[in-house]
Amino acid sequence: MSRGFSGVPGNIQAMMKQAQKMQQQLEKLQQDSTQITAEGSAGGGMVVAVANAKSQLVSVTVAKDVVNPDDIGMLQDLFVAAANEALSKAQETLKAEMSKVTGGASIPGMF
């Protein structure tokens, strides 16, 4: 049996290589997070928002039928609801991708 520091069993070099590989994968995921997108909708699909995992709104689509100059408040509410749903889904997708890399371990300070 190989021994690490202070007589602790284990292969420290293999653990270090694995940690380095995980770090590289997490860095790549962080760089690619603008490519991870999710869609949210409101009003039965009348307003659709797309956001990325960097918490950025990418696009908003509004159906003509929902635009009513006499009820701007409703349109604003639909925008907020669709954007929040898209942002939430994008973050969930990012967490799932991170979990694949980390094997489910939570790493504080990542994303």
N, C-alpha and C. Protein backbone atom coordinates (compact mmCIF):
# COMPACT_ATOMS: atom_id res chain seq x y z
N MET A 1 0.85 -1.17 0.00
CA MET A 1 0.00 0.00 0.00
C MET A 1 0.90 1.24 0.00
N SER A 2 0.60 2.17 -0.90
CA SER A 2 1.41 3.39 -0.92
C SER A 2 0.93 4.33 0.17
N ARG A 3 1.82 5.16 0.62
CA ARG A 3 1.48 6.09 1.70
C ARG A 3 1.70 7.52 1.20
N GLY A 4 0.80 8.40 1.62
CA GLY A 4 0.92 9.81 1.28
C GLY A 4 1.67 10.54 2.37
N PHE A 5 1.34 11.79 2.56
CA PHE A 5 1.97 12.60 3.59
C PHE A 5 1.63 12.08 4.97
N SER A 6 2.55 12.14 5.89
CA SER A 6 2.37 11.76 7.30
C SER A 6 1.83 10.34 7.45
N GLY A 7 2.18 9.47 6.54
CA GLY A 7 1.78 8.08 6.65
C GLY A 7 0.32 7.82 6.30
N VAL A 8 -0.38 8.80 5.70
CA VAL A 8 -1.77 8.61 5.32
C VAL A 8 -1.81 7.77 4.05
N PRO A 9 -2.55 6.65 4.07
CA PRO A 9 -2.60 5.81 2.88
C PRO A 9 -3.26 6.55 1.71
N GLY A 10 -2.87 6.19 0.50
CA GLY A 10 -3.50 6.78 -0.68
C GLY A 10 -2.47 7.23 -1.69
N ASN A 11 -2.93 7.43 -2.87
CA ASN A 11 -2.07 7.87 -3.95
C ASN A 11 -2.32 9.36 -4.18
N ILE A 12 -1.52 10.16 -3.53
CA ILE A 12 -1.69 11.62 -3.58
C ILE A 12 -1.56 12.15 -5.01
N GLN A 13 -0.63 11.61 -5.77
CA GLN A 13 -0.45 12.08 -7.15
C GLN A 13 -1.70 11.84 -7.98
N ALA A 14 -2.32 10.68 -7.84
CA ALA A 14 -3.54 10.38 -8.58
C ALA A 14 -4.66 11.32 -8.16
N MET A 15 -4.76 11.59 -6.86
CA MET A 15 -5.78 12.50 -6.36
C MET A 15 -5.55 13.91 -6.89
N MET A 16 -4.31 14.34 -6.93
CA MET A 16 -3.99 15.67 -7.44
C MET A 16 -4.33 15.77 -8.93
N LYS A 17 -4.02 14.73 -9.70
CA LYS A 17 -4.34 14.73 -11.12
C LYS A 17 -5.86 14.79 -11.33
N GLN A 18 -6.59 14.04 -10.52
CA GLN A 18 -8.04 14.03 -10.62
C GLN A 18 -8.60 15.41 -10.27
N ALA A 19 -8.08 16.02 -9.23
CA ALA A 19 -8.53 17.35 -8.83
C ALA A 19 -8.21 18.38 -9.91
N GLN A 20 -7.05 18.25 -10.53
CA GLN A 20 -6.65 19.17 -11.60
C GLN A 20 -7.58 19.01 -12.80
N LYS A 21 -7.90 17.77 -13.14
CA LYS A 21 -8.80 17.51 -14.26
C LYS A 21 -10.19 18.10 -13.98
N MET A 22 -10.68 17.92 -12.75
CA MET A 22 -11.97 18.46 -12.37
C MET A 22 -11.95 19.98 -12.46
N GLN A 23 -10.87 20.59 -12.01
CA GLN A 23 -10.76 22.05 -12.06
C GLN A 23 -10.80 22.53 -13.50
N GLN A 24 -10.10 21.84 -14.40
CA GLN A 24 -10.10 22.22 -15.82
C GLN A 24 -11.50 22.09 -16.41
N GLN A 25 -12.21 21.02 -16.05
CA GLN A 25 -13.56 20.82 -16.56
C GLN A 25 -14.51 21.90 -16.05
N LEU A 26 -14.35 22.28 -14.78
CA LEU A 26 -15.19 23.34 -14.22
C LEU A 26 -14.89 24.69 -14.86
N GLU A 27 -13.62 24.96 -15.13
CA GLU A 27 -13.25 26.21 -15.80
C GLU A 27 -13.85 26.27 -17.19
N LYS A 28 -13.81 25.14 -17.91
CA LYS A 28 -14.39 25.09 -19.26
C LYS A 28 -15.90 25.29 -19.18
N LEU A 29 -16.54 24.66 -18.20
CA LEU A 29 -17.98 24.83 -18.02
C LEU A 29 -18.32 26.28 -17.74
N GLN A 30 -17.51 26.92 -16.93
CA GLN A 30 -17.73 28.33 -16.62
C GLN A 30 -17.59 29.19 -17.88
N GLN A 31 -16.60 28.89 -18.71
CA GLN A 31 -16.41 29.63 -19.96
C GLN A 31 -17.57 29.40 -20.92
N ASP A 32 -18.08 28.18 -20.93
CA ASP A 32 -19.14 27.80 -21.85
C ASP A 32 -20.53 28.15 -21.33
N SER A 33 -20.63 28.71 -20.14
CA SER A 33 -21.94 28.94 -19.52
C SER A 33 -22.82 29.91 -20.31
N THR A 34 -22.25 30.73 -21.17
CA THR A 34 -23.09 31.60 -21.99
C THR A 34 -23.80 30.78 -23.08
N GLN A 35 -23.29 29.58 -23.36
CA GLN A 35 -23.91 28.71 -24.36
C GLN A 35 -25.03 27.87 -23.77
N ILE A 36 -25.10 27.77 -22.45
CA ILE A 36 -26.17 27.03 -21.78
C ILE A 36 -27.36 27.98 -21.67
N THR A 37 -28.43 27.67 -22.40
CA THR A 37 -29.59 28.55 -22.39
C THR A 37 -30.84 27.77 -21.99
N ALA A 38 -31.82 28.52 -21.54
CA ALA A 38 -33.11 27.96 -21.17
C ALA A 38 -34.19 28.97 -21.52
N GLU A 39 -35.37 28.45 -21.76
CA GLU A 39 -36.49 29.27 -22.17
C GLU A 39 -37.55 29.30 -21.08
N GLY A 40 -38.13 30.46 -20.90
CA GLY A 40 -39.25 30.60 -19.98
C GLY A 40 -40.37 31.30 -20.71
N SER A 41 -41.59 31.00 -20.35
CA SER A 41 -42.71 31.65 -21.02
C SER A 41 -43.77 32.05 -20.01
N ALA A 42 -44.63 32.96 -20.44
CA ALA A 42 -45.73 33.44 -19.60
C ALA A 42 -46.91 33.76 -20.50
N GLY A 43 -48.07 33.80 -19.90
CA GLY A 43 -49.27 34.12 -20.68
C GLY A 43 -49.57 33.07 -21.73
N GLY A 44 -49.34 31.82 -21.39
CA GLY A 44 -49.62 30.75 -22.35
C GLY A 44 -48.72 30.81 -23.57
N GLY A 45 -47.50 31.30 -23.38
CA GLY A 45 -46.54 31.38 -24.48
C GLY A 45 -46.59 32.69 -25.25
N MET A 46 -47.36 33.63 -24.74
CA MET A 46 -47.46 34.93 -25.42
C MET A 46 -46.18 35.74 -25.27
N VAL A 47 -45.47 35.53 -24.17
CA VAL A 47 -44.17 36.15 -23.96
C VAL A 47 -43.19 35.02 -23.67
N VAL A 48 -42.10 34.97 -24.44
CA VAL A 48 -41.08 33.93 -24.29
C VAL A 48 -39.74 34.62 -24.09
N ALA A 49 -39.03 34.20 -23.05
CA ALA A 49 -37.71 34.76 -22.77
C ALA A 49 -36.69 33.64 -22.81
N VAL A 50 -35.50 33.95 -23.27
CA VAL A 50 -34.38 33.01 -23.28
C VAL A 50 -33.25 33.65 -22.48
N ALA A 51 -32.70 32.86 -21.54
CA ALA A 51 -31.61 33.35 -20.70
C ALA A 51 -30.48 32.33 -20.73
N ASN A 52 -29.26 32.80 -20.42
CA ASN A 52 -28.13 31.86 -20.34
C ASN A 52 -27.74 31.64 -18.88
N ALA A 53 -26.81 30.72 -18.68
CA ALA A 53 -26.40 30.37 -17.33
C ALA A 53 -25.50 31.42 -16.68
N LYS A 54 -25.20 32.47 -17.38
CA LYS A 54 -24.48 33.60 -16.80
C LYS A 54 -25.47 34.63 -16.26
N SER A 55 -26.73 34.23 -16.18
CA SER A 55 -27.82 35.09 -15.70
C SER A 55 -28.01 36.31 -16.58
N GLN A 56 -27.91 36.09 -17.89
CA GLN A 56 -28.11 37.17 -18.85
C GLN A 56 -29.33 36.83 -19.70
N LEU A 57 -30.19 37.80 -19.90
CA LEU A 57 -31.33 37.63 -20.78
C LEU A 57 -30.82 37.70 -22.22
N VAL A 58 -31.10 36.68 -23.01
CA VAL A 58 -30.59 36.58 -24.38
C VAL A 58 -31.60 37.14 -25.38
N SER A 59 -32.87 36.80 -25.19
CA SER A 59 -33.89 37.30 -26.11
C SER A 59 -35.26 37.28 -25.45
N VAL A 60 -36.15 38.09 -26.00
CA VAL A 60 -37.55 38.12 -25.57
C VAL A 60 -38.40 38.20 -26.83
N THR A 61 -39.41 37.36 -26.89
CA THR A 61 -40.34 37.37 -28.01
C THR A 61 -41.74 37.64 -27.46
N VAL A 62 -42.45 38.56 -28.10
CA VAL A 62 -43.78 38.95 -27.64
C VAL A 62 -44.76 38.76 -28.80
N ALA A 63 -45.84 38.05 -28.54
CA ALA A 63 -46.89 37.88 -29.55
C ALA A 63 -47.65 39.20 -29.69
N LYS A 64 -48.03 39.51 -30.92
CA LYS A 64 -48.75 40.75 -31.19
C LYS A 64 -50.02 40.88 -30.35
N ASP A 65 -50.69 39.76 -30.19
CA ASP A 65 -51.98 39.77 -29.50
C ASP A 65 -51.90 40.25 -28.05
N VAL A 66 -50.73 40.13 -27.43
CA VAL A 66 -50.60 40.49 -26.02
C VAL A 66 -50.30 41.98 -25.83
N VAL A 67 -49.96 42.66 -26.91
CA VAL A 67 -49.62 44.08 -26.80
C VAL A 67 -50.91 44.91 -26.78
N ASN A 68 -51.18 45.48 -25.62
CA ASN A 68 -52.37 46.31 -25.42
C ASN A 68 -51.91 47.60 -24.75
N PRO A 69 -51.91 48.70 -25.49
CA PRO A 69 -51.44 49.97 -24.92
C PRO A 69 -52.21 50.40 -23.66
N ASP A 70 -53.41 49.87 -23.50
CA ASP A 70 -54.21 50.23 -22.32
C ASP A 70 -53.89 49.35 -21.10
N ASP A 71 -53.05 48.31 -21.30
CA ASP A 71 -52.72 47.41 -20.19
C ASP A 71 -51.22 47.06 -20.21
N ILE A 72 -50.40 48.07 -20.12
CA ILE A 72 -48.95 47.88 -20.13
C ILE A 72 -48.50 47.08 -18.90
N GLY A 73 -49.18 47.24 -17.80
CA GLY A 73 -48.82 46.54 -16.57
C GLY A 73 -48.83 45.03 -16.76
N MET A 74 -49.83 44.51 -17.47
CA MET A 74 -49.91 43.07 -17.71
C MET A 74 -48.71 42.61 -18.54
N LEU A 75 -48.38 43.37 -19.56
CA LEU A 75 -47.23 43.02 -20.41
C LEU A 75 -45.94 43.02 -19.61
N GLN A 76 -45.79 44.00 -18.74
CA GLN A 76 -44.60 44.05 -17.89
C GLN A 76 -44.53 42.84 -16.96
N ASP A 77 -45.65 42.46 -16.39
CA ASP A 77 -45.70 41.28 -15.52
C ASP A 77 -45.33 40.01 -16.30
N LEU A 78 -45.81 39.90 -17.53
CA LEU A 78 -45.48 38.73 -18.36
C LEU A 78 -43.99 38.70 -18.67
N PHE A 79 -43.40 39.85 -18.94
CA PHE A 79 -41.96 39.92 -19.19
C PHE A 79 -41.18 39.40 -17.98
N VAL A 80 -41.54 39.89 -16.81
CA VAL A 80 -40.83 39.51 -15.59
C VAL A 80 -40.98 38.01 -15.33
N ALA A 81 -42.20 37.51 -15.48
CA ALA A 81 -42.45 36.08 -15.22
C ALA A 81 -41.66 35.20 -16.19
N ALA A 82 -41.68 35.54 -17.47
CA ALA A 82 -40.96 34.75 -18.47
C ALA A 82 -39.45 34.81 -18.25
N ALA A 83 -38.94 36.00 -17.94
CA ALA A 83 -37.50 36.16 -17.72
C ALA A 83 -37.06 35.39 -16.48
N ASN A 84 -37.82 35.49 -15.40
CA ASN A 84 -37.46 34.77 -14.17
C ASN A 84 -37.48 33.26 -14.38
N GLU A 85 -38.46 32.76 -15.12
CA GLU A 85 -38.52 31.33 -15.39
C GLU A 85 -37.31 30.89 -16.22
N ALA A 86 -36.95 31.66 -17.24
CA ALA A 86 -35.79 31.32 -18.08
C ALA A 86 -34.50 31.34 -17.27
N LEU A 87 -34.33 32.35 -16.44
CA LEU A 87 -33.12 32.45 -15.62
C LEU A 87 -33.02 31.29 -14.64
N SER A 88 -34.13 30.94 -14.03
CA SER A 88 -34.15 29.84 -13.08
C SER A 88 -33.80 28.51 -13.77
N LYS A 89 -34.39 28.27 -14.92
CA LYS A 89 -34.11 27.04 -15.67
C LYS A 89 -32.66 26.98 -16.11
N ALA A 90 -32.09 28.11 -16.53
CA ALA A 90 -30.69 28.14 -16.96
C ALA A 90 -29.77 27.81 -15.79
N GLN A 91 -30.07 28.33 -14.61
CA GLN A 91 -29.25 28.02 -13.43
C GLN A 91 -29.38 26.56 -13.04
N GLU A 92 -30.58 26.00 -13.13
CA GLU A 92 -30.77 24.58 -12.84
C GLU A 92 -29.97 23.71 -13.80
N THR A 93 -29.95 24.10 -15.07
CA THR A 93 -29.18 23.35 -16.07
C THR A 93 -27.70 23.42 -15.77
N LEU A 94 -27.22 24.61 -15.38
CA LEU A 94 -25.82 24.77 -15.03
C LEU A 94 -25.46 23.91 -13.82
N LYS A 95 -26.31 23.90 -12.82
CA LYS A 95 -26.05 23.08 -11.62
C LYS A 95 -25.99 21.60 -11.98
N ALA A 96 -26.86 21.17 -12.89
CA ALA A 96 -26.86 19.77 -13.32
C ALA A 96 -25.56 19.44 -14.05
N GLU A 97 -25.09 20.36 -14.89
CA GLU A 97 -23.84 20.14 -15.62
C GLU A 97 -22.66 20.11 -14.65
N MET A 98 -22.68 20.99 -13.65
CA MET A 98 -21.61 21.01 -12.65
C MET A 98 -21.61 19.71 -11.85
N SER A 99 -22.79 19.21 -11.54
CA SER A 99 -22.90 17.97 -10.77
C SER A 99 -22.30 16.80 -11.53
N LYS A 100 -22.43 16.82 -12.85
CA LYS A 100 -21.82 15.77 -13.67
C LYS A 100 -20.30 15.79 -13.53
N VAL A 101 -19.73 16.99 -13.48
CA VAL A 101 -18.28 17.14 -13.39
C VAL A 101 -17.78 16.78 -11.99
N THR A 102 -18.51 17.22 -10.97
CA THR A 102 -18.05 17.05 -9.59
C THR A 102 -18.54 15.77 -8.93
N GLY A 103 -19.34 15.01 -9.64
CA GLY A 103 -19.89 13.80 -9.05
C GLY A 103 -20.90 14.10 -7.96
N GLY A 104 -21.52 15.26 -8.02
CA GLY A 104 -22.53 15.63 -7.04
C GLY A 104 -22.01 16.44 -5.87
N ALA A 105 -20.68 16.57 -5.76
CA ALA A 105 -20.12 17.36 -4.66
C ALA A 105 -20.33 18.85 -4.92
N SER A 106 -20.73 19.57 -3.91
CA SER A 106 -20.91 21.00 -4.01
C SER A 106 -19.60 21.71 -3.70
N ILE A 107 -19.17 22.58 -4.61
CA ILE A 107 -17.92 23.30 -4.43
C ILE A 107 -18.24 24.77 -4.19
N PRO A 108 -18.04 25.27 -2.98
CA PRO A 108 -18.36 26.67 -2.68
C PRO A 108 -17.59 27.63 -3.58
N GLY A 109 -18.30 28.69 -4.00
CA GLY A 109 -17.64 29.73 -4.79
C GLY A 109 -17.67 29.49 -6.28
N MET A 110 -18.16 28.34 -6.71
CA MET A 110 -18.23 28.08 -8.14
C MET A 110 -19.56 28.58 -8.66
N PHE A 111 -19.53 29.52 -9.60
CA PHE A 111 -20.70 30.08 -10.26
C PHE A 111 -21.55 30.83 -9.30
